[in-house]
Amino acid sequence: MDVEHTEPEHVEPEHEQVEPEQRQVRWQDFTPVQQVTIIAAALVEISLLVAALVDLKRRPAEEVRGRKGIWAAVSFVNLVGPISYFAFGRKR
C-alpha cells in the first residue's frame, strides 16, 4: 500500500483580524456634559498654574523652599505641579 505524502495547501482565512484604524475624536463626538467637564477641568488647571506663577513672582525667595525657577518649571506639570508648589514649595 503506497501512501503518497502531500503537503497541505495553505488556506487563507476568510477575514483577517485587522485592528481598526484609530479615528481622531472630534469635539462634536463628546456629549454636552463631557464638554462642560473638559472645559471646567481646563479652567481649574489654568487657574492653578497662573496662581502658582503669580505667587512665585511676588513671593520673596526666602519664603520659598528650593529655587523659584525649579518651582516655576514644576508648575507646568498638569495639576500636580501647582498643587505641589502650594502644598510643599511655600514656607509658612
PDB file of N, CA and C in Angstrom:
ATOM      1  N   MET A   1       0.837  -1.158   0.000  1.00  0.00           N
ATOM      2  CA  MET A   1       0.000   0.000   0.000  1.00  0.00           C
ATOM      3  C   MET A   1       0.892   1.233   0.000  1.00  0.00           C
ATOM      4  N   ASP A   2       0.907   1.915  -1.063  1.00  0.00           N
ATOM      5  CA  ASP A   2       1.674   3.147  -1.167  1.00  0.00           C
ATOM      6  C   ASP A   2       0.803   4.332  -0.770  1.00  0.00           C
ATOM      7  N   VAL A   3       1.287   5.078   0.229  1.00  0.00           N
ATOM      8  CA  VAL A   3       0.567   6.288   0.633  1.00  0.00           C
ATOM      9  C   VAL A   3       1.427   7.459   0.189  1.00  0.00           C
ATOM     10  N   GLU A   4       0.861   8.251  -0.623  1.00  0.00           N
ATOM     11  CA  GLU A   4       1.598   9.393  -1.134  1.00  0.00           C
ATOM     12  C   GLU A   4       1.458  10.551  -0.147  1.00  0.00           C
ATOM     13  N   HIS A   5       2.599  11.103   0.240  1.00  0.00           N
ATOM     14  CA  HIS A   5       2.599  12.200   1.201  1.00  0.00           C
ATOM     15  C   HIS A   5       2.530  13.509   0.431  1.00  0.00           C
ATOM     16  N   THR A   6       1.518  14.308   0.700  1.00  0.00           N
ATOM     17  CA  THR A   6       1.388  15.609   0.040  1.00  0.00           C
ATOM     18  C   THR A   6       1.341  16.698   1.104  1.00  0.00           C
ATOM     19  N   GLU A   7       1.869  17.836   0.757  1.00  0.00           N
ATOM     20  CA  GLU A   7       1.854  18.992   1.649  1.00  0.00           C
ATOM     21  C   GLU A   7       0.446  19.579   1.664  1.00  0.00           C
ATOM     22  N   PRO A   8      -0.027  19.922   2.846  1.00  0.00           N
ATOM     23  CA  PRO A   8      -1.348  20.561   2.872  1.00  0.00           C
ATOM     24  C   PRO A   8      -1.259  21.942   2.229  1.00  0.00           C
ATOM     25  N   GLU A   9      -2.295  22.303   1.537  1.00  0.00           N
ATOM     26  CA  GLU A   9      -2.312  23.607   0.895  1.00  0.00           C
ATOM     27  C   GLU A   9      -2.530  24.681   1.953  1.00  0.00           C
ATOM     28  N   HIS A  10      -1.891  25.820   1.711  1.00  0.00           N
ATOM     29  CA  HIS A  10      -2.054  26.937   2.633  1.00  0.00           C
ATOM     30  C   HIS A  10      -3.418  27.562   2.378  1.00  0.00           C
ATOM     31  N   VAL A  11      -4.210  27.614   3.419  1.00  0.00           N
ATOM     32  CA  VAL A  11      -5.549  28.157   3.287  1.00  0.00           C
ATOM     33  C   VAL A  11      -5.579  29.521   3.963  1.00  0.00           C
ATOM     34  N   GLU A  12      -5.959  30.515   3.210  1.00  0.00           N
ATOM     35  CA  GLU A  12      -6.074  31.866   3.759  1.00  0.00           C
ATOM     36  C   GLU A  12      -7.357  31.964   4.574  1.00  0.00           C
ATOM     37  N   PRO A  13      -7.295  32.621   5.726  1.00  0.00           N
ATOM     38  CA  PRO A  13      -8.536  32.827   6.465  1.00  0.00           C
ATOM     39  C   PRO A  13      -9.450  33.753   5.674  1.00  0.00           C
ATOM     40  N   GLU A  14     -10.739  33.574   5.892  1.00  0.00           N
ATOM     41  CA  GLU A  14     -11.694  34.383   5.130  1.00  0.00           C
ATOM     42  C   GLU A  14     -11.489  35.869   5.399  1.00  0.00           C
ATOM     43  N   HIS A  15     -11.407  36.229   6.671  1.00  0.00           N
ATOM     44  CA  HIS A  15     -11.209  37.630   7.033  1.00  0.00           C
ATOM     45  C   HIS A  15     -10.139  37.695   8.101  1.00  0.00           C
ATOM     46  N   GLU A  16      -9.068  38.408   7.791  1.00  0.00           N
ATOM     47  CA  GLU A  16      -8.024  38.572   8.787  1.00  0.00           C
ATOM     48  C   GLU A  16      -8.486  39.579   9.829  1.00  0.00           C
ATOM     49  N   GLN A  17      -8.056  39.346  11.071  1.00  0.00           N
ATOM     50  CA  GLN A  17      -8.356  40.295  12.125  1.00  0.00           C
ATOM     51  C   GLN A  17      -7.432  41.493  11.942  1.00  0.00           C
ATOM     52  N   VAL A  18      -7.989  42.616  11.566  1.00  0.00           N
ATOM     53  CA  VAL A  18      -7.212  43.828  11.377  1.00  0.00           C
ATOM     54  C   VAL A  18      -7.718  44.859  12.370  1.00  0.00           C
ATOM     55  N   GLU A  19      -6.770  45.448  13.079  1.00  0.00           N
ATOM     56  CA  GLU A  19      -7.145  46.480  14.035  1.00  0.00           C
ATOM     57  C   GLU A  19      -7.751  47.653  13.274  1.00  0.00           C
ATOM     58  N   PRO A  20      -8.870  48.152  13.744  1.00  0.00           N
ATOM     59  CA  PRO A  20      -9.424  49.333  13.066  1.00  0.00           C
ATOM     60  C   PRO A  20      -8.496  50.513  13.285  1.00  0.00           C
ATOM     61  N   GLU A  21      -8.378  51.335  12.279  1.00  0.00           N
ATOM     62  CA  GLU A  21      -7.509  52.497  12.413  1.00  0.00           C
ATOM     63  C   GLU A  21      -8.087  53.420  13.472  1.00  0.00           C
ATOM     64  N   GLN A  22      -7.187  54.010  14.212  1.00  0.00           N
ATOM     65  CA  GLN A  22      -7.662  54.916  15.255  1.00  0.00           C
ATOM     66  C   GLN A  22      -8.227  56.159  14.602  1.00  0.00           C
ATOM     67  N   ARG A  23      -9.431  56.447  14.968  1.00  0.00           N
ATOM     68  CA  ARG A  23     -10.115  57.601  14.422  1.00  0.00           C
ATOM     69  C   ARG A  23      -9.928  58.752  15.392  1.00  0.00           C
ATOM     70  N   GLN A  24      -9.661  59.924  14.869  1.00  0.00           N
ATOM     71  CA  GLN A  24      -9.493  61.077  15.742  1.00  0.00           C
ATOM     72  C   GLN A  24     -10.848  61.479  16.304  1.00  0.00           C
ATOM     73  N   VAL A  25     -10.840  61.787  17.579  1.00  0.00           N
ATOM     74  CA  VAL A  25     -12.074  62.184  18.243  1.00  0.00           C
ATOM     75  C   VAL A  25     -12.258  63.680  18.041  1.00  0.00           C
ATOM     76  N   ARG A  26     -13.431  64.049  17.591  1.00  0.00           N
ATOM     77  CA  ARG A  26     -13.744  65.455  17.385  1.00  0.00           C
ATOM     78  C   ARG A  26     -14.524  65.985  18.578  1.00  0.00           C
ATOM     79  N   TRP A  27     -14.493  67.298  18.732  1.00  0.00           N
ATOM     80  CA  TRP A  27     -15.200  67.937  19.839  1.00  0.00           C
ATOM     81  C   TRP A  27     -16.683  67.560  19.809  1.00  0.00           C
ATOM     82  N   GLN A  28     -17.259  67.449  18.635  1.00  0.00           N
ATOM     83  CA  GLN A  28     -18.674  67.125  18.493  1.00  0.00           C
ATOM     84  C   GLN A  28     -18.993  65.699  18.941  1.00  0.00           C
ATOM     85  N   ASP A  29     -17.980  64.847  19.044  1.00  0.00           N
ATOM     86  CA  ASP A  29     -18.201  63.464  19.481  1.00  0.00           C
ATOM     87  C   ASP A  29     -18.480  63.379  20.980  1.00  0.00           C
ATOM     88  N   PHE A  30     -18.116  64.411  21.733  1.00  0.00           N
ATOM     89  CA  PHE A  30     -18.354  64.416  23.173  1.00  0.00           C
ATOM     90  C   PHE A  30     -19.780  64.868  23.461  1.00  0.00           C
ATOM     91  N   THR A  31     -20.328  64.336  24.531  1.00  0.00           N
ATOM     92  CA  THR A  31     -21.651  64.779  24.959  1.00  0.00           C
ATOM     93  C   THR A  31     -21.512  66.168  25.584  1.00  0.00           C
ATOM     94  N   PRO A  32     -22.617  66.911  25.692  1.00  0.00           N
ATOM     95  CA  PRO A  32     -22.530  68.238  26.330  1.00  0.00           C
ATOM     96  C   PRO A  32     -21.967  68.182  27.753  1.00  0.00           C
ATOM     97  N   VAL A  33     -22.304  67.154  28.511  1.00  0.00           N
ATOM     98  CA  VAL A  33     -21.766  67.025  29.873  1.00  0.00           C
ATOM     99  C   VAL A  33     -20.253  66.828  29.825  1.00  0.00           C
ATOM    100  N   GLN A  34     -19.780  66.000  28.910  1.00  0.00           N
ATOM    101  CA  GLN A  34     -18.344  65.789  28.768  1.00  0.00           C
ATOM    102  C   GLN A  34     -17.647  67.079  28.345  1.00  0.00           C
ATOM    103  N   GLN A  35     -18.253  67.836  27.453  1.00  0.00           N
ATOM    104  CA  GLN A  35     -17.658  69.094  27.005  1.00  0.00           C
ATOM    105  C   GLN A  35     -17.525  70.076  28.163  1.00  0.00           C
ATOM    106  N   VAL A  36     -18.572  70.198  28.984  1.00  0.00           N
ATOM    107  CA  VAL A  36     -18.533  71.105  30.128  1.00  0.00           C
ATOM    108  C   VAL A  36     -17.481  70.639  31.127  1.00  0.00           C
ATOM    109  N   THR A  37     -17.377  69.335  31.336  1.00  0.00           N
ATOM    110  CA  THR A  37     -16.383  68.792  32.270  1.00  0.00           C
ATOM    111  C   THR A  37     -14.968  69.086  31.794  1.00  0.00           C
ATOM    112  N   ILE A  38     -14.721  68.926  30.512  1.00  0.00           N
ATOM    113  CA  ILE A  38     -13.393  69.197  29.949  1.00  0.00           C
ATOM    114  C   ILE A  38     -13.049  70.676  30.099  1.00  0.00           C
ATOM    115  N   ILE A  39     -14.008  71.547  29.802  1.00  0.00           N
ATOM    116  CA  ILE A  39     -13.773  72.986  29.920  1.00  0.00           C
ATOM    117  C   ILE A  39     -13.514  73.370  31.370  1.00  0.00           C
ATOM    118  N   ALA A  40     -14.308  72.815  32.295  1.00  0.00           N
ATOM    119  CA  ALA A  40     -14.121  73.117  33.722  1.00  0.00           C
ATOM    120  C   ALA A  40     -12.753  72.649  34.209  1.00  0.00           C
ATOM    121  N   ALA A  41     -12.352  71.439  33.816  1.00  0.00           N
ATOM    122  CA  ALA A  41     -11.042  70.918  34.233  1.00  0.00           C
ATOM    123  C   ALA A  41      -9.915  71.779  33.672  1.00  0.00           C
ATOM    124  N   ALA A  42     -10.059  72.220  32.429  1.00  0.00           N
ATOM    125  CA  ALA A  42      -9.034  73.081  31.822  1.00  0.00           C
ATOM    126  C   ALA A  42      -8.948  74.414  32.555  1.00  0.00           C
ATOM    127  N   LEU A  43     -10.108  74.968  32.922  1.00  0.00           N
ATOM    128  CA  LEU A  43     -10.106  76.241  33.651  1.00  0.00           C
ATOM    129  C   LEU A  43      -9.458  76.104  35.024  1.00  0.00           C
ATOM    130  N   VAL A  44      -9.730  74.998  35.712  1.00  0.00           N
ATOM    131  CA  VAL A  44      -9.115  74.762  37.017  1.00  0.00           C
ATOM    132  C   VAL A  44      -7.606  74.640  36.860  1.00  0.00           C
ATOM    133  N   GLU A  45      -7.174  73.876  35.878  1.00  0.00           N
ATOM    134  CA  GLU A  45      -5.740  73.675  35.665  1.00  0.00           C
ATOM    135  C   GLU A  45      -5.032  74.990  35.328  1.00  0.00           C
ATOM    136  N   ILE A  46      -5.617  75.771  34.434  1.00  0.00           N
ATOM    137  CA  ILE A  46      -5.003  77.046  34.041  1.00  0.00           C
ATOM    138  C   ILE A  46      -5.007  78.023  35.211  1.00  0.00           C
ATOM    139  N   SER A  47      -6.092  78.048  35.979  1.00  0.00           N
ATOM    140  CA  SER A  47      -6.173  78.945  37.132  1.00  0.00           C
ATOM    141  C   SER A  47      -5.104  78.612  38.171  1.00  0.00           C
ATOM    142  N   LEU A  48      -4.928  77.320  38.453  1.00  0.00           N
ATOM    143  CA  LEU A  48      -3.895  76.916  39.413  1.00  0.00           C
ATOM    144  C   LEU A  48      -2.503  77.280  38.902  1.00  0.00           C
ATOM    145  N   LEU A  49      -2.260  77.081  37.619  1.00  0.00           N
ATOM    146  CA  LEU A  49      -0.962  77.423  37.049  1.00  0.00           C
ATOM    147  C   LEU A  49      -0.683  78.913  37.183  1.00  0.00           C
ATOM    148  N   VAL A  50      -1.665  79.739  36.796  1.00  0.00           N
ATOM    149  CA  VAL A  50      -1.480  81.190  36.875  1.00  0.00           C
ATOM    150  C   VAL A  50      -1.288  81.622  38.328  1.00  0.00           C
ATOM    151  N   ALA A  51      -2.092  81.072  39.228  1.00  0.00           N
ATOM    152  CA  ALA A  51      -1.963  81.430  40.646  1.00  0.00           C
ATOM    153  C   ALA A  51      -0.585  81.064  41.185  1.00  0.00           C
ATOM    154  N   ALA A  52      -0.085  79.887  40.825  1.00  0.00           N
ATOM    155  CA  ALA A  52       1.241  79.468  41.296  1.00  0.00           C
ATOM    156  C   ALA A  52       2.332  80.370  40.738  1.00  0.00           C
ATOM    157  N   LEU A  53       2.248  80.694  39.454  1.00  0.00           N
ATOM    158  CA  LEU A  53       3.279  81.540  38.846  1.00  0.00           C
ATOM    159  C   LEU A  53       3.237  82.956  39.410  1.00  0.00           C
ATOM    160  N   VAL A  54       2.039  83.498  39.636  1.00  0.00           N
ATOM    161  CA  VAL A  54       1.924  84.840  40.226  1.00  0.00           C
ATOM    162  C   VAL A  54       2.472  84.827  41.648  1.00  0.00           C
ATOM    163  N   ASP A  55       2.119  83.798  42.418  1.00  0.00           N
ATOM    164  CA  ASP A  55       2.621  83.698  43.792  1.00  0.00           C
ATOM    165  C   ASP A  55       4.150  83.601  43.806  1.00  0.00           C
ATOM    166  N   LEU A  56       4.698  82.805  42.898  1.00  0.00           N
ATOM    167  CA  LEU A  56       6.157  82.679  42.822  1.00  0.00           C
ATOM    168  C   LEU A  56       6.813  84.012  42.482  1.00  0.00           C
ATOM    169  N   LYS A  57       6.210  84.749  41.593  1.00  0.00           N
ATOM    170  CA  LYS A  57       6.772  86.036  41.172  1.00  0.00           C
ATOM    171  C   LYS A  57       6.764  87.039  42.330  1.00  0.00           C
ATOM    172  N   ARG A  58       5.685  87.055  43.093  1.00  0.00           N
ATOM    173  CA  ARG A  58       5.535  88.032  44.170  1.00  0.00           C
ATOM    174  C   ARG A  58       6.238  87.633  45.465  1.00  0.00           C
ATOM    175  N   ARG A  59       6.380  86.354  45.708  1.00  0.00           N
ATOM    176  CA  ARG A  59       6.925  85.866  46.976  1.00  0.00           C
ATOM    177  C   ARG A  59       8.454  85.989  46.974  1.00  0.00           C
ATOM    178  N   PRO A  60       9.034  86.522  48.062  1.00  0.00           N
ATOM    179  CA  PRO A  60      10.499  86.586  48.154  1.00  0.00           C
ATOM    180  C   PRO A  60      11.110  85.177  48.173  1.00  0.00           C
ATOM    181  N   ALA A  61      12.304  85.047  47.648  1.00  0.00           N
ATOM    182  CA  ALA A  61      12.975  83.744  47.560  1.00  0.00           C
ATOM    183  C   ALA A  61      13.156  83.101  48.927  1.00  0.00           C
ATOM    184  N   GLU A  62      13.266  83.909  49.965  1.00  0.00           N
ATOM    185  CA  GLU A  62      13.447  83.370  51.306  1.00  0.00           C
ATOM    186  C   GLU A  62      12.212  82.618  51.800  1.00  0.00           C
ATOM    187  N   GLU A  63      11.072  82.897  51.212  1.00  0.00           N
ATOM    188  CA  GLU A  63       9.830  82.270  51.637  1.00  0.00           C
ATOM    189  C   GLU A  63       9.444  81.073  50.759  1.00  0.00           C
ATOM    190  N   VAL A  64      10.367  80.652  49.918  1.00  0.00           N
ATOM    191  CA  VAL A  64      10.115  79.511  49.027  1.00  0.00           C
ATOM    192  C   VAL A  64      11.113  78.413  49.355  1.00  0.00           C
ATOM    193  N   ARG A  65      10.614  77.197  49.497  1.00  0.00           N
ATOM    194  CA  ARG A  65      11.512  76.043  49.708  1.00  0.00           C
ATOM    195  C   ARG A  65      12.101  75.653  48.356  1.00  0.00           C
ATOM    196  N   GLY A  66      13.390  75.747  48.227  1.00  0.00           N
ATOM    197  CA  GLY A  66      14.035  75.423  46.955  1.00  0.00           C
ATOM    198  C   GLY A  66      14.133  76.652  46.071  1.00  0.00           C
ATOM    199  N   ARG A  67      14.526  76.422  44.827  1.00  0.00           N
ATOM    200  CA  ARG A  67      14.720  77.522  43.879  1.00  0.00           C
ATOM    201  C   ARG A  67      13.414  77.861  43.178  1.00  0.00           C
ATOM    202  N   LYS A  68      13.168  79.140  43.024  1.00  0.00           N
ATOM    203  CA  LYS A  68      11.931  79.595  42.403  1.00  0.00           C
ATOM    204  C   LYS A  68      11.822  79.106  40.950  1.00  0.00           C
ATOM    205  N   GLY A  69      12.935  79.070  40.245  1.00  0.00           N
ATOM    206  CA  GLY A  69      12.920  78.622  38.844  1.00  0.00           C
ATOM    207  C   GLY A  69      12.480  77.175  38.710  1.00  0.00           C
ATOM    208  N   ILE A  70      12.938  76.349  39.650  1.00  0.00           N
ATOM    209  CA  ILE A  70      12.537  74.937  39.633  1.00  0.00           C
ATOM    210  C   ILE A  70      11.038  74.822  39.888  1.00  0.00           C
ATOM    211  N   TRP A  71      10.536  75.575  40.878  1.00  0.00           N
ATOM    212  CA  TRP A  71       9.102  75.525  41.166  1.00  0.00           C
ATOM    213  C   TRP A  71       8.280  76.062  39.995  1.00  0.00           C
ATOM    214  N   ALA A  72       8.792  77.049  39.299  1.00  0.00           N
ATOM    215  CA  ALA A  72       8.080  77.568  38.121  1.00  0.00           C
ATOM    216  C   ALA A  72       7.975  76.478  37.056  1.00  0.00           C
ATOM    217  N   ALA A  73       9.058  75.756  36.832  1.00  0.00           N
ATOM    218  CA  ALA A  73       9.036  74.671  35.845  1.00  0.00           C
ATOM    219  C   ALA A  73       8.102  73.550  36.290  1.00  0.00           C
ATOM    220  N   VAL A  74       8.151  73.205  37.575  1.00  0.00           N
ATOM    221  CA  VAL A  74       7.298  72.140  38.108  1.00  0.00           C
ATOM    222  C   VAL A  74       5.820  72.525  37.986  1.00  0.00           C
ATOM    223  N   SER A  75       5.537  73.805  38.076  1.00  0.00           N
ATOM    224  CA  SER A  75       4.146  74.263  37.997  1.00  0.00           C
ATOM    225  C   SER A  75       3.490  73.926  36.668  1.00  0.00           C
ATOM    226  N   PHE A  76       4.276  73.693  35.637  1.00  0.00           N
ATOM    227  CA  PHE A  76       3.714  73.374  34.321  1.00  0.00           C
ATOM    228  C   PHE A  76       3.349  71.901  34.162  1.00  0.00           C
ATOM    229  N   VAL A  77       3.547  71.102  35.206  1.00  0.00           N
ATOM    230  CA  VAL A  77       3.210  69.676  35.142  1.00  0.00           C
ATOM    231  C   VAL A  77       1.757  69.493  35.572  1.00  0.00           C
ATOM    232  N   ASN A  78       0.862  69.547  34.611  1.00  0.00           N
ATOM    233  CA  ASN A  78      -0.583  69.349  34.828  1.00  0.00           C
ATOM    234  C   ASN A  78      -1.065  69.939  36.149  1.00  0.00           C
ATOM    235  N   LEU A  79      -1.934  69.255  36.825  1.00  0.00           N
ATOM    236  CA  LEU A  79      -2.443  69.737  38.110  1.00  0.00           C
ATOM    237  C   LEU A  79      -1.455  69.484  39.242  1.00  0.00           C
ATOM    238  N   VAL A  80      -0.611  68.497  39.073  1.00  0.00           N
ATOM    239  CA  VAL A  80       0.303  68.090  40.138  1.00  0.00           C
ATOM    240  C   VAL A  80       1.297  69.200  40.473  1.00  0.00           C
ATOM    241  N   GLY A  81       1.792  69.895  39.483  1.00  0.00           N
ATOM    242  CA  GLY A  81       2.811  70.915  39.707  1.00  0.00           C
ATOM    243  C   GLY A  81       2.348  72.056  40.597  1.00  0.00           C
ATOM    244  N   PRO A  82       1.275  72.762  40.203  1.00  0.00           N
ATOM    245  CA  PRO A  82       0.823  73.869  41.059  1.00  0.00           C
ATOM    246  C   PRO A  82       0.382  73.415  42.447  1.00  0.00           C
ATOM    247  N   ILE A  83      -0.287  72.275  42.529  1.00  0.00           N
ATOM    248  CA  ILE A  83      -0.717  71.774  43.839  1.00  0.00           C
ATOM    249  C   ILE A  83       0.502  71.454  44.699  1.00  0.00           C
ATOM    250  N   SER A  84       1.533  70.862  44.100  1.00  0.00           N
ATOM    251  CA  SER A  84       2.767  70.566  44.845  1.00  0.00           C
ATOM    252  C   SER A  84       3.423  71.844  45.349  1.00  0.00           C
ATOM    253  N   TYR A  85       3.426  72.858  44.489  1.00  0.00           N
ATOM    254  CA  TYR A  85       4.025  74.123  44.919  1.00  0.00           C
ATOM    255  C   TYR A  85       3.277  74.688  46.125  1.00  0.00           C
ATOM    256  N   PHE A  86       1.947  74.733  46.038  1.00  0.00           N
ATOM    257  CA  PHE A  86       1.175  75.298  47.146  1.00  0.00           C
ATOM    258  C   PHE A  86       1.289  74.439  48.403  1.00  0.00           C
ATOM    259  N   ALA A  87       1.418  73.135  48.256  1.00  0.00           N
ATOM    260  CA  ALA A  87       1.500  72.243  49.418  1.00  0.00           C
ATOM    261  C   ALA A  87       2.895  72.196  50.027  1.00  0.00           C
ATOM    262  N   PHE A  88       3.935  72.194  49.187  1.00  0.00           N
ATOM    263  CA  PHE A  88       5.285  71.952  49.686  1.00  0.00           C
ATOM    264  C   PHE A  88       6.284  73.079  49.401  1.00  0.00           C
ATOM    265  N   GLY A  89       6.028  73.912  48.426  1.00  0.00           N
ATOM    266  CA  GLY A  89       7.011  74.893  47.995  1.00  0.00           C
ATOM    267  C   GLY A  89       7.059  76.164  48.794  1.00  0.00           C
ATOM    268  N   ARG A  90       5.980  76.496  49.473  1.00  0.00           N
ATOM    269  CA  ARG A  90       5.950  77.751  50.221  1.00  0.00           C
ATOM    270  C   ARG A  90       6.247  77.498  51.696  1.00  0.00           C
ATOM    271  N   LYS A  91       7.042  78.388  52.250  1.00  0.00           N
ATOM    272  CA  LYS A  91       7.303  78.326  53.686  1.00  0.00           C
ATOM    273  C   LYS A  91       6.173  79.056  54.397  1.00  0.00           C
ATOM    274  N   ARG A  92       5.834  78.583  55.538  1.00  0.00           N
ATOM    275  CA  ARG A  92       4.773  79.238  56.324  1.00  0.00           C
ATOM    276  C   ARG A  92       5.345  80.102  57.383  1.00  0.00           C
TER     277      ARG A  92
END
